[in-house]
Amino acid sequence: MMSEERYFIDERGGCIAIRDKKNTDPNDNGLHEETKGVVHYRMGQQKFENCPTCSHRRMIGWEVPQSVVNEIDDLCTELNRNQTTTRSADK
């Protein structure tokens, strides 16, 4: 029997977080370090491009590097594994 995972990854707006389903408000429309249910948070990096009409660089958004996505994925997997092991041991 497969148990539902407690922790999940939420990535949007140039940031990524691990959130706890047991302590998350489904009506939250933003993702910040202080968002309810966030147990681990990482901000991405600013993306820039050269302005086509002048020599200035301008920020065009935020991006989470793949290395950070991989790190968060591994941590989330470990949290879910430990949560399942702990719950099984309590029975």
N, C-alpha and C. Protein backbone atom coordinates (compact mmCIF):
# COMPACT_ATOMS: atom_id res chain seq x y z
N MET A 1 0.84 -1.17 0.00
CA MET A 1 0.00 0.00 0.00
C MET A 1 0.90 1.25 0.00
N MET A 2 0.67 2.15 -0.94
CA MET A 2 1.47 3.35 -1.07
C MET A 2 0.83 4.47 -0.25
N SER A 3 1.61 5.12 0.61
CA SER A 3 1.08 6.22 1.39
C SER A 3 1.26 7.52 0.62
N GLU A 4 0.39 8.47 0.90
CA GLU A 4 0.50 9.77 0.25
C GLU A 4 1.69 10.52 0.83
N GLU A 5 2.42 11.19 -0.04
CA GLU A 5 3.59 11.93 0.42
C GLU A 5 3.16 13.21 1.12
N ARG A 6 3.79 13.48 2.23
CA ARG A 6 3.45 14.66 3.04
C ARG A 6 4.06 15.94 2.46
N TYR A 7 5.28 15.85 1.96
CA TYR A 7 6.00 17.03 1.49
C TYR A 7 5.97 17.10 -0.03
N PHE A 8 5.87 18.31 -0.56
CA PHE A 8 5.83 18.49 -2.01
C PHE A 8 6.63 19.72 -2.40
N ILE A 9 7.01 19.76 -3.66
CA ILE A 9 7.81 20.86 -4.20
C ILE A 9 6.88 21.87 -4.86
N ASP A 10 7.10 23.12 -4.54
CA ASP A 10 6.34 24.23 -5.12
C ASP A 10 7.37 25.16 -5.76
N GLU A 11 7.35 25.26 -7.08
CA GLU A 11 8.29 26.12 -7.80
C GLU A 11 7.51 27.10 -8.65
N ARG A 12 7.74 28.39 -8.41
CA ARG A 12 7.08 29.42 -9.20
C ARG A 12 7.72 30.78 -8.93
N GLY A 13 7.61 31.65 -9.89
CA GLY A 13 8.09 33.01 -9.74
C GLY A 13 9.56 33.13 -9.41
N GLY A 14 10.35 32.16 -9.87
CA GLY A 14 11.79 32.24 -9.65
C GLY A 14 12.25 31.78 -8.28
N CYS A 15 11.39 31.05 -7.58
CA CYS A 15 11.80 30.48 -6.30
C CYS A 15 11.25 29.06 -6.20
N ILE A 16 11.76 28.33 -5.24
CA ILE A 16 11.36 26.94 -5.07
C ILE A 16 11.32 26.63 -3.58
N ALA A 17 10.38 25.81 -3.19
CA ALA A 17 10.24 25.48 -1.77
C ALA A 17 9.73 24.06 -1.60
N ILE A 18 10.02 23.51 -0.44
CA ILE A 18 9.39 22.27 -0.01
C ILE A 18 8.31 22.69 0.97
N ARG A 19 7.11 22.19 0.76
CA ARG A 19 5.98 22.55 1.62
C ARG A 19 5.38 21.30 2.25
N ASP A 20 4.78 21.50 3.39
CA ASP A 20 4.15 20.43 4.17
C ASP A 20 2.65 20.45 3.91
N LYS A 21 2.11 19.38 3.35
CA LYS A 21 0.69 19.32 3.04
C LYS A 21 -0.18 19.45 4.29
N LYS A 22 0.36 19.05 5.44
CA LYS A 22 -0.41 19.11 6.68
C LYS A 22 -0.49 20.53 7.25
N ASN A 23 0.27 21.45 6.71
CA ASN A 23 0.31 22.80 7.26
C ASN A 23 0.33 23.84 6.14
N THR A 24 -0.42 23.61 5.07
CA THR A 24 -0.40 24.50 3.92
C THR A 24 -1.80 25.03 3.65
N ASP A 25 -1.88 26.31 3.39
CA ASP A 25 -3.14 26.94 3.00
C ASP A 25 -3.27 26.85 1.48
N PRO A 26 -4.23 26.07 0.98
CA PRO A 26 -4.36 25.91 -0.47
C PRO A 26 -4.75 27.20 -1.19
N ASN A 27 -5.18 28.21 -0.45
CA ASN A 27 -5.57 29.48 -1.05
C ASN A 27 -4.42 30.48 -1.13
N ASP A 28 -3.24 30.10 -0.65
CA ASP A 28 -2.07 30.98 -0.79
C ASP A 28 -1.79 31.20 -2.27
N ASN A 29 -1.62 32.46 -2.65
CA ASN A 29 -1.33 32.72 -4.05
C ASN A 29 0.08 33.23 -4.28
N GLY A 30 0.91 33.16 -3.27
CA GLY A 30 2.31 33.55 -3.41
C GLY A 30 3.20 32.49 -2.79
N LEU A 31 4.47 32.59 -3.07
CA LEU A 31 5.43 31.67 -2.48
C LEU A 31 6.60 32.48 -1.95
N HIS A 32 6.72 32.47 -0.63
CA HIS A 32 7.76 33.22 0.06
C HIS A 32 8.29 32.35 1.20
N GLU A 33 9.40 32.75 1.75
CA GLU A 33 10.00 31.99 2.85
C GLU A 33 9.03 31.85 4.03
N GLU A 34 8.20 32.87 4.26
CA GLU A 34 7.27 32.84 5.39
C GLU A 34 5.89 32.28 5.03
N THR A 35 5.70 31.80 3.81
CA THR A 35 4.43 31.20 3.41
C THR A 35 4.14 29.99 4.28
N LYS A 36 2.90 29.87 4.72
CA LYS A 36 2.49 28.77 5.58
C LYS A 36 2.83 27.42 4.94
N GLY A 37 3.45 26.55 5.71
CA GLY A 37 3.78 25.21 5.24
C GLY A 37 5.15 25.08 4.59
N VAL A 38 5.88 26.18 4.42
CA VAL A 38 7.21 26.11 3.81
C VAL A 38 8.20 25.59 4.85
N VAL A 39 8.87 24.49 4.51
CA VAL A 39 9.87 23.93 5.42
C VAL A 39 11.29 24.14 4.91
N HIS A 40 11.43 24.46 3.63
CA HIS A 40 12.74 24.79 3.05
C HIS A 40 12.49 25.65 1.82
N TYR A 41 13.24 26.74 1.69
CA TYR A 41 13.00 27.73 0.64
C TYR A 41 14.31 28.15 0.01
N ARG A 42 14.31 28.29 -1.30
CA ARG A 42 15.49 28.82 -2.02
C ARG A 42 15.01 29.80 -3.08
N MET A 43 15.68 30.93 -3.13
CA MET A 43 15.40 31.93 -4.16
C MET A 43 16.29 31.64 -5.35
N GLY A 44 15.76 31.86 -6.54
CA GLY A 44 16.54 31.65 -7.75
C GLY A 44 17.50 32.79 -8.01
N GLN A 45 17.97 32.86 -9.22
CA GLN A 45 18.91 33.89 -9.63
C GLN A 45 18.24 34.83 -10.63
N GLN A 46 18.66 36.08 -10.59
CA GLN A 46 18.14 37.03 -11.55
C GLN A 46 18.68 36.71 -12.94
N LYS A 47 17.82 36.87 -13.95
CA LYS A 47 18.23 36.71 -15.35
C LYS A 47 18.29 38.08 -15.99
N PHE A 48 19.35 38.30 -16.76
CA PHE A 48 19.54 39.58 -17.44
C PHE A 48 19.70 39.36 -18.93
N GLU A 49 19.43 40.40 -19.68
CA GLU A 49 19.71 40.40 -21.11
C GLU A 49 20.21 41.78 -21.50
N ASN A 50 20.92 41.84 -22.60
CA ASN A 50 21.38 43.13 -23.11
C ASN A 50 20.21 43.81 -23.82
N CYS A 51 20.05 45.08 -23.54
CA CYS A 51 19.02 45.87 -24.20
C CYS A 51 19.38 45.98 -25.68
N PRO A 52 18.43 45.71 -26.58
CA PRO A 52 18.75 45.75 -28.01
C PRO A 52 19.03 47.15 -28.55
N THR A 53 18.63 48.20 -27.82
CA THR A 53 18.82 49.56 -28.33
C THR A 53 19.94 50.34 -27.65
N CYS A 54 20.49 49.78 -26.58
CA CYS A 54 21.58 50.49 -25.89
C CYS A 54 22.51 49.46 -25.25
N SER A 55 23.47 49.92 -24.51
CA SER A 55 24.45 48.99 -23.93
C SER A 55 24.08 48.52 -22.53
N HIS A 56 22.94 48.92 -22.03
CA HIS A 56 22.54 48.53 -20.68
C HIS A 56 22.04 47.09 -20.63
N ARG A 57 22.27 46.50 -19.48
CA ARG A 57 21.68 45.17 -19.24
C ARG A 57 20.43 45.37 -18.42
N ARG A 58 19.41 44.58 -18.69
CA ARG A 58 18.17 44.71 -17.93
C ARG A 58 17.76 43.36 -17.39
N MET A 59 17.17 43.41 -16.22
CA MET A 59 16.67 42.18 -15.61
C MET A 59 15.38 41.78 -16.31
N ILE A 60 15.29 40.48 -16.65
CA ILE A 60 14.09 40.00 -17.34
C ILE A 60 13.32 38.98 -16.51
N GLY A 61 13.82 38.63 -15.33
CA GLY A 61 13.10 37.69 -14.49
C GLY A 61 14.02 36.93 -13.56
N TRP A 62 13.47 35.88 -13.02
CA TRP A 62 14.19 35.02 -12.07
C TRP A 62 14.17 33.59 -12.60
N GLU A 63 15.21 32.84 -12.26
CA GLU A 63 15.31 31.45 -12.71
C GLU A 63 15.95 30.62 -11.60
N VAL A 64 15.38 29.45 -11.35
CA VAL A 64 15.97 28.52 -10.38
C VAL A 64 16.91 27.59 -11.15
N PRO A 65 18.20 27.60 -10.82
CA PRO A 65 19.15 26.72 -11.52
C PRO A 65 18.80 25.25 -11.31
N GLN A 66 19.12 24.45 -12.32
CA GLN A 66 18.82 23.02 -12.25
C GLN A 66 19.49 22.36 -11.05
N SER A 67 20.67 22.81 -10.67
CA SER A 67 21.35 22.22 -9.50
C SER A 67 20.54 22.43 -8.23
N VAL A 68 19.88 23.57 -8.10
CA VAL A 68 19.03 23.84 -6.93
C VAL A 68 17.77 22.98 -7.00
N VAL A 69 17.18 22.85 -8.19
CA VAL A 69 16.01 21.99 -8.36
C VAL A 69 16.36 20.56 -7.93
N ASN A 70 17.52 20.06 -8.36
CA ASN A 70 17.95 18.71 -8.00
C ASN A 70 18.14 18.58 -6.49
N GLU A 71 18.74 19.59 -5.88
CA GLU A 71 18.96 19.59 -4.42
C GLU A 71 17.64 19.54 -3.67
N ILE A 72 16.68 20.36 -4.08
CA ILE A 72 15.37 20.40 -3.44
C ILE A 72 14.63 19.08 -3.64
N ASP A 73 14.73 18.53 -4.84
CA ASP A 73 14.09 17.24 -5.13
C ASP A 73 14.64 16.14 -4.22
N ASP A 74 15.95 16.10 -4.06
CA ASP A 74 16.58 15.10 -3.19
C ASP A 74 16.14 15.29 -1.74
N LEU A 75 16.11 16.53 -1.29
CA LEU A 75 15.71 16.81 0.09
C LEU A 75 14.26 16.44 0.33
N CYS A 76 13.40 16.75 -0.62
CA CYS A 76 11.97 16.42 -0.49
C CYS A 76 11.77 14.90 -0.44
N THR A 77 12.49 14.19 -1.29
CA THR A 77 12.43 12.73 -1.28
C THR A 77 12.85 12.18 0.08
N GLU A 78 13.92 12.73 0.62
CA GLU A 78 14.41 12.28 1.93
C GLU A 78 13.41 12.60 3.04
N LEU A 79 12.82 13.78 3.01
CA LEU A 79 11.81 14.13 4.02
C LEU A 79 10.62 13.17 3.96
N ASN A 80 10.16 12.86 2.76
CA ASN A 80 9.04 11.93 2.62
C ASN A 80 9.43 10.52 3.05
N ARG A 81 10.64 10.11 2.75
CA ARG A 81 11.11 8.79 3.16
C ARG A 81 11.16 8.70 4.70
N ASN A 82 11.70 9.73 5.33
CA ASN A 82 11.79 9.75 6.79
C ASN A 82 10.42 9.82 7.45
N GLN A 83 9.51 10.57 6.85
CA GLN A 83 8.15 10.69 7.38
C GLN A 83 7.44 9.36 7.32
N THR A 84 7.61 8.63 6.22
CA THR A 84 6.99 7.32 6.07
C THR A 84 7.60 6.32 7.05
N THR A 85 8.92 6.35 7.20
CA THR A 85 9.60 5.45 8.12
C THR A 85 9.18 5.73 9.55
N THR A 86 9.09 6.99 9.93
CA THR A 86 8.68 7.36 11.28
C THR A 86 7.26 6.92 11.56
N ARG A 87 6.36 7.14 10.58
CA ARG A 87 4.97 6.77 10.77
C ARG A 87 4.85 5.24 10.91
N SER A 88 5.60 4.48 10.12
CA SER A 88 5.55 3.03 10.19
C SER A 88 6.09 2.54 11.53
N ALA A 89 7.13 3.19 12.03
CA ALA A 89 7.73 2.79 13.30
C ALA A 89 6.80 3.08 14.46
N ASP A 90 5.91 4.06 14.32
CA ASP A 90 4.99 4.43 15.41
C ASP A 90 3.85 3.44 15.56
N LYS A 91 3.60 2.65 14.54
CA LYS A 91 2.45 1.71 14.59
C LYS A 91 2.72 0.54 15.49
